[in-house]
C-alpha atoms as a PDB file:
ATOM      1  CA  UNK A   1      -0.157  -0.056   0.135  1.00  0.00           C
ATOM      2  CA  UNK A   2       1.123   3.408  -0.631  1.00  0.00           C
ATOM      3  CA  UNK A   3       1.131   6.384   1.650  1.00  0.00           C
ATOM      4  CA  UNK A   4      -1.481   8.551   0.678  1.00  0.00           C
ATOM      5  CA  UNK A   5      -0.069  12.061   0.004  1.00  0.00           C
ATOM      6  CA  UNK A   6      -1.401  15.438   0.360  1.00  0.00           C
ATOM      7  CA  UNK A   7      -2.756  16.280  -3.029  1.00  0.00           C
ATOM      8  CA  UNK A   8      -4.863  12.927  -1.881  1.00  0.00           C
ATOM      9  CA  UNK A   9      -6.079  15.032   0.897  1.00  0.00           C
ATOM     10  CA  UNK A  10      -7.204  17.921  -1.089  1.00  0.00           C
ATOM     11  CA  UNK A  11      -9.117  15.163  -3.413  1.00  0.00           C
ATOM     12  CA  UNK A  12     -10.811  14.046  -0.430  1.00  0.00           C
ATOM     13  CA  UNK A  13     -11.823  17.291   0.681  1.00  0.00           C
ATOM     14  CA  UNK A  14     -13.579  17.891  -3.041  1.00  0.00           C
ATOM     15  CA  UNK A  15     -15.437  14.340  -2.768  1.00  0.00           C
ATOM     16  CA  UNK A  16     -16.743  14.775   0.690  1.00  0.00           C
ATOM     17  CA  UNK A  17     -17.747  17.999   0.084  1.00  0.00           C
ATOM     18  CA  UNK A  18     -20.892  17.534  -1.274  1.00  0.00           C
ATOM     19  CA  UNK A  19     -22.126  15.567   2.076  1.00  0.00           C
ATOM     20  CA  UNK A  20     -20.549  16.970   4.649  1.00  0.00           C
ATOM     21  CA  UNK A  21     -20.353  20.019   6.201  1.00  0.00           C
ATOM     22  CA  UNK A  22     -17.277  21.781   7.693  1.00  0.00           C
ATOM     23  CA  UNK A  23     -17.187  20.974  11.564  1.00  0.00           C
ATOM     24  CA  UNK A  24     -16.330  24.007  14.353  1.00  0.00           C
ATOM     25  CA  UNK A  25     -13.153  24.549  15.361  1.00  0.00           C
ATOM     26  CA  UNK A  26     -13.470  26.715  18.876  1.00  0.00           C
ATOM     27  CA  UNK A  27     -11.541  27.685  21.734  1.00  0.00           C
ATOM     28  CA  UNK A  28     -12.822  28.262  25.107  1.00  0.00           C
ATOM     29  CA  UNK A  29     -11.678  30.506  27.929  1.00  0.00           C
ATOM     30  CA  UNK A  30     -11.762  27.575  30.663  1.00  0.00           C
ATOM     31  CA  UNK A  31      -9.890  25.210  28.697  1.00  0.00           C
ATOM     32  CA  UNK A  32      -7.299  27.931  27.763  1.00  0.00           C
ATOM     33  CA  UNK A  33      -7.158  28.409  31.545  1.00  0.00           C
ATOM     34  CA  UNK A  34      -6.644  24.795  32.202  1.00  0.00           C
ATOM     35  CA  UNK A  35      -3.999  24.157  29.795  1.00  0.00           C
ATOM     36  CA  UNK A  36      -2.103  27.656  29.850  1.00  0.00           C
ATOM     37  CA  UNK A  37      -2.126  27.490  26.101  1.00  0.00           C
ATOM     38  CA  UNK A  38      -4.338  28.963  23.588  1.00  0.00           C
ATOM     39  CA  UNK A  39      -6.770  25.660  22.685  1.00  0.00           C
ATOM     40  CA  UNK A  40      -8.769  24.873  19.610  1.00  0.00           C
ATOM     41  CA  UNK A  41     -11.169  22.089  19.693  1.00  0.00           C
ATOM     42  CA  UNK A  42     -12.067  20.203  16.334  1.00  0.00           C
ATOM     43  CA  UNK A  43     -15.753  19.093  17.044  1.00  0.00           C
ATOM     44  CA  UNK A  44     -15.913  16.408  14.690  1.00  0.00           C
ATOM     45  CA  UNK A  45     -18.874  15.161  17.273  1.00  0.00           C
ATOM     46  CA  UNK A  46     -20.535  17.333  15.083  1.00  0.00           C
ATOM     47  CA  UNK A  47     -20.976  15.143  12.463  1.00  0.00           C
ATOM     48  CA  UNK A  48     -23.983  13.516  10.811  1.00  0.00           C
ATOM     49  CA  UNK A  49     -22.767   9.993  12.864  1.00  0.00           C
ATOM     50  CA  UNK A  50     -21.279  11.638  15.892  1.00  0.00           C
ATOM     51  CA  UNK A  51     -17.724  11.023  14.960  1.00  0.00           C
ATOM     52  CA  UNK A  52     -15.029  11.793  12.566  1.00  0.00           C
ATOM     53  CA  UNK A  53     -14.763   8.479  10.557  1.00  0.00           C
ATOM     54  CA  UNK A  54     -17.371   9.846   8.104  1.00  0.00           C
ATOM     55  CA  UNK A  55     -14.788  11.559   6.242  1.00  0.00           C
ATOM     56  CA  UNK A  56     -12.724   8.358   5.227  1.00  0.00           C
ATOM     57  CA  UNK A  57     -16.135   6.292   4.680  1.00  0.00           C
ATOM     58  CA  UNK A  58     -17.559   8.786   2.103  1.00  0.00           C
ATOM     59  CA  UNK A  59     -13.956   9.223   0.382  1.00  0.00           C
ATOM     60  CA  UNK A  60     -13.617   5.436  -0.141  1.00  0.00           C
ATOM     61  CA  UNK A  61     -16.877   3.812  -0.888  1.00  0.00           C
ATOM     62  CA  UNK A  62     -17.414   7.278  -3.059  1.00  0.00           C
ATOM     63  CA  UNK A  63     -14.413   5.502  -5.142  1.00  0.00           C
ATOM     64  CA  UNK A  64     -15.427   1.872  -5.106  1.00  0.00           C
ATOM     65  CA  UNK A  65     -15.810  -0.002  -8.363  1.00  0.00           C
ATOM     66  CA  UNK A  66     -19.205  -1.346 -10.006  1.00  0.00           C
ATOM     67  CA  UNK A  67     -18.157  -4.997  -9.287  1.00  0.00           C
ATOM     68  CA  UNK A  68     -17.317  -4.213  -5.392  1.00  0.00           C
ATOM     69  CA  UNK A  69     -20.454  -2.315  -5.407  1.00  0.00           C
ATOM     70  CA  UNK A  70     -22.420  -5.056  -6.343  1.00  0.00           C
ATOM     71  CA  UNK A  71     -20.765  -7.291  -4.235  1.00  0.00           C
ATOM     72  CA  UNK A  72     -21.279  -5.374  -1.195  1.00  0.00           C
ATOM     73  CA  UNK A  73     -19.184  -4.326   1.480  1.00  0.00           C
ATOM     74  CA  UNK A  74     -18.057  -5.502   5.299  1.00  0.00           C
ATOM     75  CA  UNK A  75     -15.916  -4.362   8.220  1.00  0.00           C
ATOM     76  CA  UNK A  76     -15.283  -4.650  11.869  1.00  0.00           C
ATOM     77  CA  UNK A  77     -16.167  -1.917  14.269  1.00  0.00           C
ATOM     78  CA  UNK A  78     -16.650  -0.568  17.867  1.00  0.00           C
ATOM     79  CA  UNK A  79     -19.012   1.530  15.997  1.00  0.00           C
ATOM     80  CA  UNK A  80     -17.759   4.815  14.971  1.00  0.00           C
ATOM     81  CA  UNK A  81     -15.961   3.184  11.515  1.00  0.00           C
ATOM     82  CA  UNK A  82     -19.089   0.710  11.546  1.00  0.00           C
ATOM     83  CA  UNK A  83     -21.075   3.773  11.975  1.00  0.00           C
ATOM     84  CA  UNK A  84     -19.062   5.741   8.752  1.00  0.00           C
ATOM     85  CA  UNK A  85     -19.159   2.500   6.295  1.00  0.00           C
ATOM     86  CA  UNK A  86     -23.145   2.333   7.029  1.00  0.00           C
ATOM     87  CA  UNK A  87     -23.607   5.957   6.349  1.00  0.00           C
ATOM     88  CA  UNK A  88     -21.602   6.347   3.232  1.00  0.00           C
ATOM     89  CA  UNK A  89     -22.851   2.471   1.939  1.00  0.00           C
ATOM     90  CA  UNK A  90     -26.436   3.783   2.014  1.00  0.00           C
ATOM     91  CA  UNK A  91     -25.739   7.074   0.191  1.00  0.00           C
ATOM     92  CA  UNK A  92     -23.751   5.312  -2.409  1.00  0.00           C
ATOM     93  CA  UNK A  93     -26.656   2.474  -2.447  1.00  0.00           C
ATOM     94  CA  UNK A  94     -24.165  -0.205  -1.292  1.00  0.00           C
ATOM     95  CA  UNK A  95     -25.139  -3.275   1.098  1.00  0.00           C
ATOM     96  CA  UNK A  96     -23.054  -2.831   4.316  1.00  0.00           C
ATOM     97  CA  UNK A  97     -22.510  -5.603   6.830  1.00  0.00           C
ATOM     98  CA  UNK A  98     -20.683  -4.538  10.200  1.00  0.00           C
ATOM     99  CA  UNK A  99     -19.109  -7.554  12.317  1.00  0.00           C
ATOM    100  CA  UNK A 100     -18.937  -5.737  16.222  1.00  0.00           C
ATOM    101  CA  UNK A 101     -17.998  -7.366  19.346  1.00  0.00           C
ATOM    102  CA  UNK A 102     -21.100  -8.637  21.554  1.00  0.00           C
ATOM    103  CA  UNK A 103     -21.113  -5.444  23.952  1.00  0.00           C
ATOM    104  CA  UNK A 104     -20.764  -2.613  21.247  1.00  0.00           C
ATOM    105  CA  UNK A 105     -21.947   0.708  22.377  1.00  0.00           C
ATOM    106  CA  UNK A 106     -25.731   0.281  22.236  1.00  0.00           C
ATOM    107  CA  UNK A 107     -26.411   3.924  20.553  1.00  0.00           C
ATOM    108  CA  UNK A 108     -23.428   2.891  18.024  1.00  0.00           C
ATOM    109  CA  UNK A 109     -25.370  -0.186  17.241  1.00  0.00           C
ATOM    110  CA  UNK A 110     -28.741   1.314  16.793  1.00  0.00           C
ATOM    111  CA  UNK A 111     -27.391   4.236  14.612  1.00  0.00           C
ATOM    112  CA  UNK A 112     -25.644   1.349  12.380  1.00  0.00           C
ATOM    113  CA  UNK A 113     -28.824  -0.437  11.940  1.00  0.00           C
ATOM    114  CA  UNK A 114     -30.703   2.453  11.552  1.00  0.00           C
ATOM    115  CA  UNK A 115     -28.408   3.487   8.306  1.00  0.00           C
ATOM    116  CA  UNK A 116     -29.400   0.035   7.283  1.00  0.00           C
ATOM    117  CA  UNK A 117     -26.161  -1.757   7.713  1.00  0.00           C
ATOM    118  CA  UNK A 118     -26.652  -5.476   8.984  1.00  0.00           C
ATOM    119  CA  UNK A 119     -24.912  -5.616  12.450  1.00  0.00           C
ATOM    120  CA  UNK A 120     -23.097  -9.096  13.145  1.00  0.00           C
ATOM    121  CA  UNK A 121     -22.357  -9.833  16.883  1.00  0.00           C
ATOM    122  CA  UNK A 122     -18.735 -11.634  17.559  1.00  0.00           C
ATOM    123  CA  UNK A 123     -16.712 -12.041  20.156  1.00  0.00           C
ATOM    124  CA  UNK A 124     -15.559  -9.917  23.205  1.00  0.00           C
ATOM    125  CA  UNK A 125     -13.174  -7.085  21.220  1.00  0.00           C
ATOM    126  CA  UNK A 126     -12.888  -5.614  18.255  1.00  0.00           C
ATOM    127  CA  UNK A 127     -10.110  -8.138  17.471  1.00  0.00           C
ATOM    128  CA  UNK A 128     -12.418 -11.103  17.716  1.00  0.00           C
ATOM    129  CA  UNK A 129     -14.895  -8.871  15.812  1.00  0.00           C
ATOM    130  CA  UNK A 130     -12.247  -8.420  13.008  1.00  0.00           C
ATOM    131  CA  UNK A 131     -11.007 -11.699  12.598  1.00  0.00           C
ATOM    132  CA  UNK A 132     -14.667 -12.814  12.231  1.00  0.00           C
ATOM    133  CA  UNK A 133     -15.113 -10.020   9.591  1.00  0.00           C
ATOM    134  CA  UNK A 134     -11.977 -11.326   7.626  1.00  0.00           C
ATOM    135  CA  UNK A 135     -13.187 -14.457   7.737  1.00  0.00           C
ATOM    136  CA  UNK A 136     -16.533 -13.855   6.406  1.00  0.00           C
ATOM    137  CA  UNK A 137     -14.999 -11.689   3.656  1.00  0.00           C
ATOM    138  CA  UNK A 138     -13.038 -14.250   2.188  1.00  0.00           C
ATOM    139  CA  UNK A 139     -15.856 -17.146   2.465  1.00  0.00           C
ATOM    140  CA  UNK A 140     -18.341 -14.482   1.022  1.00  0.00           C
ATOM    141  CA  UNK A 141     -16.994 -12.586  -1.372  1.00  0.00           C
ATOM    142  CA  UNK A 142     -17.661  -9.135   0.119  1.00  0.00           C
ATOM    143  CA  UNK A 143     -15.331  -6.115  -0.260  1.00  0.00           C
ATOM    144  CA  UNK A 144     -13.519  -6.039   2.760  1.00  0.00           C
ATOM    145  CA  UNK A 145     -12.936  -2.245   4.450  1.00  0.00           C
ATOM    146  CA  UNK A 146      -9.976  -2.408   6.759  1.00  0.00           C
ATOM    147  CA  UNK A 147     -10.146   0.240   9.539  1.00  0.00           C
ATOM    148  CA  UNK A 148      -6.739   1.593   9.093  1.00  0.00           C
ATOM    149  CA  UNK A 149      -5.401  -0.144   6.260  1.00  0.00           C
ATOM    150  CA  UNK A 150      -6.846   1.612   3.498  1.00  0.00           C
ATOM    151  CA  UNK A 151      -5.300   4.568   1.964  1.00  0.00           C
ATOM    152  CA  UNK A 152      -8.524   6.496   1.256  1.00  0.00           C
ATOM    153  CA  UNK A 153     -10.115   6.214   4.514  1.00  0.00           C
ATOM    154  CA  UNK A 154      -6.916   7.997   5.987  1.00  0.00           C
ATOM    155  CA  UNK A 155      -6.923  10.587   3.149  1.00  0.00           C
ATOM    156  CA  UNK A 156     -10.212  11.031   3.986  1.00  0.00           C
ATOM    157  CA  UNK A 157      -9.924  11.391   7.820  1.00  0.00           C
ATOM    158  CA  UNK A 158      -7.019  14.047   7.152  1.00  0.00           C
ATOM    159  CA  UNK A 159      -9.389  16.520   5.646  1.00  0.00           C
ATOM    160  CA  UNK A 160     -10.409  17.133   9.478  1.00  0.00           C
ATOM    161  CA  UNK A 161      -6.895  18.523  10.115  1.00  0.00           C
ATOM    162  CA  UNK A 162      -6.654  20.305   6.666  1.00  0.00           C
ATOM    163  CA  UNK A 163      -9.932  22.206   8.108  1.00  0.00           C
ATOM    164  CA  UNK A 164      -8.061  22.898  11.239  1.00  0.00           C
ATOM    165  CA  UNK A 165      -5.096  24.588   9.619  1.00  0.00           C
ATOM    166  CA  UNK A 166      -7.299  26.221   6.874  1.00  0.00           C
ATOM    167  CA  UNK A 167      -8.878  27.908   9.981  1.00  0.00           C
ATOM    168  CA  UNK A 168      -5.782  28.374  12.042  1.00  0.00           C
ATOM    169  CA  UNK A 169      -3.027  28.068  10.005  1.00  0.00           C
ATOM    170  CA  UNK A 170      -0.459  29.343  12.979  1.00  0.00           C
ATOM    171  CA  UNK A 171      -0.847  26.473  14.928  1.00  0.00           C
ATOM    172  CA  UNK A 172       2.007  24.711  16.721  1.00  0.00           C
ATOM    173  CA  UNK A 173       1.081  21.579  17.885  1.00  0.00           C
ATOM    174  CA  UNK A 174      -2.012  19.225  16.859  1.00  0.00           C
ATOM    175  CA  UNK A 175      -2.888  16.402  19.369  1.00  0.00           C
ATOM    176  CA  UNK A 176      -5.195  13.539  17.652  1.00  0.00           C
ATOM    177  CA  UNK A 177      -6.030  10.503  19.301  1.00  0.00           C
ATOM    178  CA  UNK A 178      -5.287   6.766  18.362  1.00  0.00           C
ATOM    179  CA  UNK A 179      -7.286   3.584  17.805  1.00  0.00           C
ATOM    180  CA  UNK A 180      -6.101   2.027  14.909  1.00  0.00           C
ATOM    181  CA  UNK A 181      -4.389   5.185  13.760  1.00  0.00           C
ATOM    182  CA  UNK A 182      -6.164   6.568  10.440  1.00  0.00           C
ATOM    183  CA  UNK A 183      -7.001   9.453  12.398  1.00  0.00           C
ATOM    184  CA  UNK A 184      -2.870  10.477  13.417  1.00  0.00           C
ATOM    185  CA  UNK A 185      -1.917   9.226  10.013  1.00  0.00           C
ATOM    186  CA  UNK A 186      -4.206  11.637   8.489  1.00  0.00           C
ATOM    187  CA  UNK A 187      -3.151  14.538  10.817  1.00  0.00           C
ATOM    188  CA  UNK A 188       0.570  13.589   9.996  1.00  0.00           C
ATOM    189  CA  UNK A 189      -0.081  13.843   6.067  1.00  0.00           C
ATOM    190  CA  UNK A 190      -2.025  17.126   5.991  1.00  0.00           C
ATOM    191  CA  UNK A 191       0.130  18.920   8.736  1.00  0.00           C
ATOM    192  CA  UNK A 192       3.109  18.295   6.914  1.00  0.00           C
ATOM    193  CA  UNK A 193       1.426  19.386   3.337  1.00  0.00           C
ATOM    194  CA  UNK A 194       0.734  22.835   4.679  1.00  0.00           C
ATOM    195  CA  UNK A 195       3.631  23.122   7.519  1.00  0.00           C
ATOM    196  CA  UNK A 196       6.068  20.440   8.455  1.00  0.00           C
ATOM    197  CA  UNK A 197       7.238  22.858  11.862  1.00  0.00           C
ATOM    198  CA  UNK A 198       3.977  21.573  13.379  1.00  0.00           C
ATOM    199  CA  UNK A 199       4.021  19.358  16.102  1.00  0.00           C
ATOM    200  CA  UNK A 200       1.462  16.107  15.656  1.00  0.00           C
ATOM    201  CA  UNK A 201       1.030  14.456  19.065  1.00  0.00           C
ATOM    202  CA  UNK A 202      -0.826  10.835  19.105  1.00  0.00           C
ATOM    203  CA  UNK A 203      -2.221   9.720  22.309  1.00  0.00           C
ATOM    204  CA  UNK A 204      -3.546   6.226  23.388  1.00  0.00           C
ATOM    205  CA  UNK A 205      -4.882   4.441  26.529  1.00  0.00           C
ATOM    206  CA  UNK A 206      -2.091   2.679  28.553  1.00  0.00           C
ATOM    207  CA  UNK A 207      -4.459   0.170  28.937  1.00  0.00           C
ATOM    208  CA  UNK A 208      -4.334  -0.790  25.485  1.00  0.00           C
ATOM    209  CA  UNK A 209      -1.327   0.683  24.183  1.00  0.00           C
ATOM    210  CA  UNK A 210      -0.332  -1.422  20.803  1.00  0.00           C
ATOM    211  CA  UNK A 211      -0.345   1.155  18.575  1.00  0.00           C
ATOM    212  CA  UNK A 212       2.315   2.965  21.097  1.00  0.00           C
ATOM    213  CA  UNK A 213       4.675   0.552  21.257  1.00  0.00           C
ATOM    214  CA  UNK A 214       4.486  -0.437  17.711  1.00  0.00           C
ATOM    215  CA  UNK A 215       5.557   2.910  17.166  1.00  0.00           C
ATOM    216  CA  UNK A 216       8.063   3.132  19.417  1.00  0.00           C
ATOM    217  CA  UNK A 217       9.597  -0.222  18.763  1.00  0.00           C
ATOM    218  CA  UNK A 218       9.295   0.364  15.351  1.00  0.00           C
ATOM    219  CA  UNK A 219       6.914  -3.111  14.512  1.00  0.00           C
ATOM    220  CA  UNK A 220       3.942  -4.302  14.855  1.00  0.00           C
ATOM    221  CA  UNK A 221       2.769  -5.159  18.536  1.00  0.00           C
ATOM    222  CA  UNK A 222       0.169  -7.106  19.932  1.00  0.00           C
ATOM    223  CA  UNK A 223      -0.900  -6.460  22.991  1.00  0.00           C
ATOM    224  CA  UNK A 224      -3.658  -6.720  25.571  1.00  0.00           C
ATOM    225  CA  UNK A 225      -6.630  -4.574  25.046  1.00  0.00           C
ATOM    226  CA  UNK A 226      -8.288  -3.500  28.218  1.00  0.00           C
ATOM    227  CA  UNK A 227      -9.360   0.215  27.814  1.00  0.00           C
ATOM    228  CA  UNK A 228     -13.085   1.364  28.469  1.00  0.00           C
ATOM    229  CA  UNK A 229     -12.780   3.750  25.489  1.00  0.00           C
ATOM    230  CA  UNK A 230     -14.099   1.898  22.527  1.00  0.00           C
ATOM    231  CA  UNK A 231     -12.572   4.283  20.222  1.00  0.00           C
ATOM    232  CA  UNK A 232      -8.667   3.393  21.080  1.00  0.00           C
ATOM    233  CA  UNK A 233      -9.746  -0.244  22.180  1.00  0.00           C
ATOM    234  CA  UNK A 234      -7.431  -2.282  19.640  1.00  0.00           C
ATOM    235  CA  UNK A 235      -4.966  -4.772  20.591  1.00  0.00           C
ATOM    236  CA  UNK A 236      -3.582  -5.121  17.412  1.00  0.00           C
ATOM    237  CA  UNK A 237      -1.601  -2.176  15.217  1.00  0.00           C
ATOM    238  CA  UNK A 238      -2.290  -1.810  11.961  1.00  0.00           C
ATOM    239  CA  UNK A 239       0.314  -1.551   8.916  1.00  0.00           C
ATOM    240  CA  UNK A 240      -0.211   1.345   7.015  1.00  0.00           C
ATOM    241  CA  UNK A 241      -1.104   4.004   9.563  1.00  0.00           C
ATOM    242  CA  UNK A 242       2.077   2.856  11.655  1.00  0.00           C
ATOM    243  CA  UNK A 243       4.255   3.055   8.232  1.00  0.00           C
ATOM    244  CA  UNK A 244       3.138   6.565   8.267  1.00  0.00           C
ATOM    245  CA  UNK A 245       3.326   7.679  11.806  1.00  0.00           C
ATOM    246  CA  UNK A 246       6.818   6.004  12.240  1.00  0.00           C
ATOM    247  CA  UNK A 247       8.003   8.568   9.144  1.00  0.00           C
ATOM    248  CA  UNK A 248       6.099  11.452  10.301  1.00  0.00           C
ATOM    249  CA  UNK A 249       4.363  11.479  13.934  1.00  0.00           C
ATOM    250  CA  UNK A 250       6.388  13.877  16.365  1.00  0.00           C
ATOM    251  CA  UNK A 251       5.473  12.421  19.370  1.00  0.00           C
ATOM    252  CA  UNK A 252       3.123   9.695  21.536  1.00  0.00           C
ATOM    253  CA  UNK A 253       1.851   9.551  24.707  1.00  0.00           C
ATOM    254  CA  UNK A 254       0.071   7.441  26.799  1.00  0.00           C
ATOM    255  CA  UNK A 255      -2.865   8.643  29.140  1.00  0.00           C
ATOM    256  CA  UNK A 256      -4.292   6.429  32.018  1.00  0.00           C
ATOM    257  CA  UNK A 257      -8.241   5.561  31.516  1.00  0.00           C
ATOM    258  CA  UNK A 258      -9.004   7.920  34.557  1.00  0.00           C
ATOM    259  CA  UNK A 259      -7.094  10.754  32.955  1.00  0.00           C
ATOM    260  CA  UNK A 260      -9.795  10.367  29.779  1.00  0.00           C
ATOM    261  CA  UNK A 261     -12.816  10.189  32.269  1.00  0.00           C
ATOM    262  CA  UNK A 262     -11.893  13.829  34.020  1.00  0.00           C
ATOM    263  CA  UNK A 263     -10.949  15.114  30.437  1.00  0.00           C
ATOM    264  CA  UNK A 264     -14.786  13.605  29.319  1.00  0.00           C
ATOM    265  CA  UNK A 265     -16.013  15.933  32.115  1.00  0.00           C
ATOM    266  CA  UNK A 266     -13.493  18.973  31.556  1.00  0.00           C
ATOM    267  CA  UNK A 267     -15.322  18.714  28.074  1.00  0.00           C
ATOM    268  CA  UNK A 268     -18.329  19.158  29.394  1.00  0.00           C
ATOM    269  CA  UNK A 269     -17.765  21.632  31.871  1.00  0.00           C
ATOM    270  CA  UNK A 270     -15.006  23.857  30.094  1.00  0.00           C
ATOM    271  CA  UNK A 271     -15.792  23.321  26.240  1.00  0.00           C
ATOM    272  CA  UNK A 272     -19.863  22.670  26.740  1.00  0.00           C
ATOM    273  CA  UNK A 273     -19.122  19.551  24.805  1.00  0.00           C
ATOM    274  CA  UNK A 274     -19.935  16.134  25.209  1.00  0.00           C
ATOM    275  CA  UNK A 275     -17.198  13.623  24.251  1.00  0.00           C
ATOM    276  CA  UNK A 276     -16.725  10.314  24.108  1.00  0.00           C
ATOM    277  CA  UNK A 277     -13.967   8.759  25.514  1.00  0.00           C
ATOM    278  CA  UNK A 278     -11.847   8.781  22.482  1.00  0.00           C
ATOM    279  CA  UNK A 279     -12.700  12.493  21.793  1.00  0.00           C
ATOM    280  CA  UNK A 280     -11.675  13.353  25.163  1.00  0.00           C
ATOM    281  CA  UNK A 281      -7.999  11.677  25.387  1.00  0.00           C
ATOM    282  CA  UNK A 282      -6.742  14.794  23.571  1.00  0.00           C
ATOM    283  CA  UNK A 283      -7.360  17.007  26.300  1.00  0.00           C
ATOM    284  CA  UNK A 284      -5.887  14.378  28.718  1.00  0.00           C
ATOM    285  CA  UNK A 285      -3.084  14.518  26.465  1.00  0.00           C
ATOM    286  CA  UNK A 286      -3.058  18.408  26.722  1.00  0.00           C
ATOM    287  CA  UNK A 287      -3.361  18.466  30.137  1.00  0.00           C
ATOM    288  CA  UNK A 288      -0.375  15.963  30.829  1.00  0.00           C
ATOM    289  CA  UNK A 289       1.947  18.132  28.219  1.00  0.00           C
ATOM    290  CA  UNK A 290       0.562  21.289  29.721  1.00  0.00           C
ATOM    291  CA  UNK A 291       3.957  22.756  30.775  1.00  0.00           C
ATOM    292  CA  UNK A 292       5.721  21.854  27.260  1.00  0.00           C
ATOM    293  CA  UNK A 293       2.426  23.194  25.481  1.00  0.00           C
ATOM    294  CA  UNK A 294       2.583  26.834  27.957  1.00  0.00           C
ATOM    295  CA  UNK A 295       1.642  29.740  25.622  1.00  0.00           C
ATOM    296  CA  UNK A 296       1.642  27.898  22.622  1.00  0.00           C
ATOM    297  CA  UNK A 297      -1.388  27.573  19.656  1.00  0.00           C
ATOM    298  CA  UNK A 298      -2.773  23.936  20.009  1.00  0.00           C
ATOM    299  CA  UNK A 299      -5.638  22.236  17.996  1.00  0.00           C
ATOM    300  CA  UNK A 300      -7.063  19.072  19.554  1.00  0.00           C
ATOM    301  CA  UNK A 301      -9.688  16.599  17.906  1.00  0.00           C
ATOM    302  CA  UNK A 302     -12.545  16.014  19.556  1.00  0.00           C
ATOM    303  CA  UNK A 303     -13.040  12.632  17.453  1.00  0.00           C
ATOM    304  CA  UNK A 304     -16.459  11.969  18.213  1.00  0.00           C
ATOM    305  CA  UNK A 305     -19.276  12.426  20.590  1.00  0.00           C
ATOM    306  CA  UNK A 306     -20.809   8.689  21.078  1.00  0.00           C
ATOM    307  CA  UNK A 307     -20.168   8.005  24.136  1.00  0.00           C
ATOM    308  CA  UNK A 308     -22.655   5.801  26.511  1.00  0.00           C
ATOM    309  CA  UNK A 309     -24.668   6.537  29.176  1.00  0.00           C
ATOM    310  CA  UNK A 310     -23.026   4.082  31.377  1.00  0.00           C
ATOM    311  CA  UNK A 311     -19.434   5.751  30.243  1.00  0.00           C
ATOM    312  CA  UNK A 312     -20.488   9.562  31.060  1.00  0.00           C
ATOM    313  CA  UNK A 313     -22.240   8.505  34.373  1.00  0.00           C
ATOM    314  CA  UNK A 314     -18.743   6.347  35.365  1.00  0.00           C
ATOM    315  CA  UNK A 315     -16.845   9.637  34.065  1.00  0.00           C
ATOM    316  CA  UNK A 316     -19.070  11.797  36.489  1.00  0.00           C
ATOM    317  CA  UNK A 317     -18.937   9.787  39.515  1.00  0.00           C
ATOM    318  CA  UNK A 318     -15.515   9.366  39.632  1.00  0.00           C
ATOM    319  CA  UNK A 319     -14.233  12.467  38.651  1.00  0.00           C
ATOM    320  CA  UNK A 320     -14.307  15.943  40.521  1.00  0.00           C
ATOM    321  CA  UNK A 321     -17.020  18.607  38.632  1.00  0.00           C
ATOM    322  CA  UNK A 322     -13.950  21.047  38.083  1.00  0.00           C
END
């Protein structure tokens, strides 16, 4: 697989424009005070499916061949990628099947079903669902859409960072959450295309550090997958995002699930924003890095807002409301 390049991001922007509105990019005084920097939040929680991945879904599904469309598509997801594939499939008249873990977020499952995708439940984790998905794709001949190893997905999600830099060209750092790594890979490509001096920082839960360790060790690593944050919950690193991150990413940090829950509360109390755990993780990272970020202009990507009521209650119960 070849790396997507900056022109691919520009083409993706053109393809998705008829279907998606530009998402807000706001700064909040209470967040700025917390971090000691001028922080802008990219509100991908405002997408029609509540998460950034729809950008990649539309860019990819719009480019399927007639033969691939006739076969139908299949993918594995904890929710947001599945919603993206489901919405894009409905837009372009393609039959979609999504394999999810047995205890997947009920709201995300309902959204996929409402978008006319066939939802198949398998296994306790994303990685178990992914293996089942790959088996079905081989058995039935469906076009398998991997959640990370797809150049068109990465070029599509990179448009979120392109929009950030169109709105605030003098950003000095961008913080992006990582599950499989498509969003972070896209951020690196877009940032390099605009200004290679921008520092792109990835963040993952220390309870599911496969992508972090793969980046650190410069080889694909499988590790236990224990985070509550489904958008960050991968136990297997993905080859294409890791290749891009290995070449272009400036820094990668881990935060605890407790820090993520605190950041979910801060997103509500300080940024008037409902963020799922993955969407709040960049704020947790910014707080951890606040001494390094002091006085800088920082963009953080709220990748989605599809939290469950259970996760939200746990976050509120466990975190001081400050």
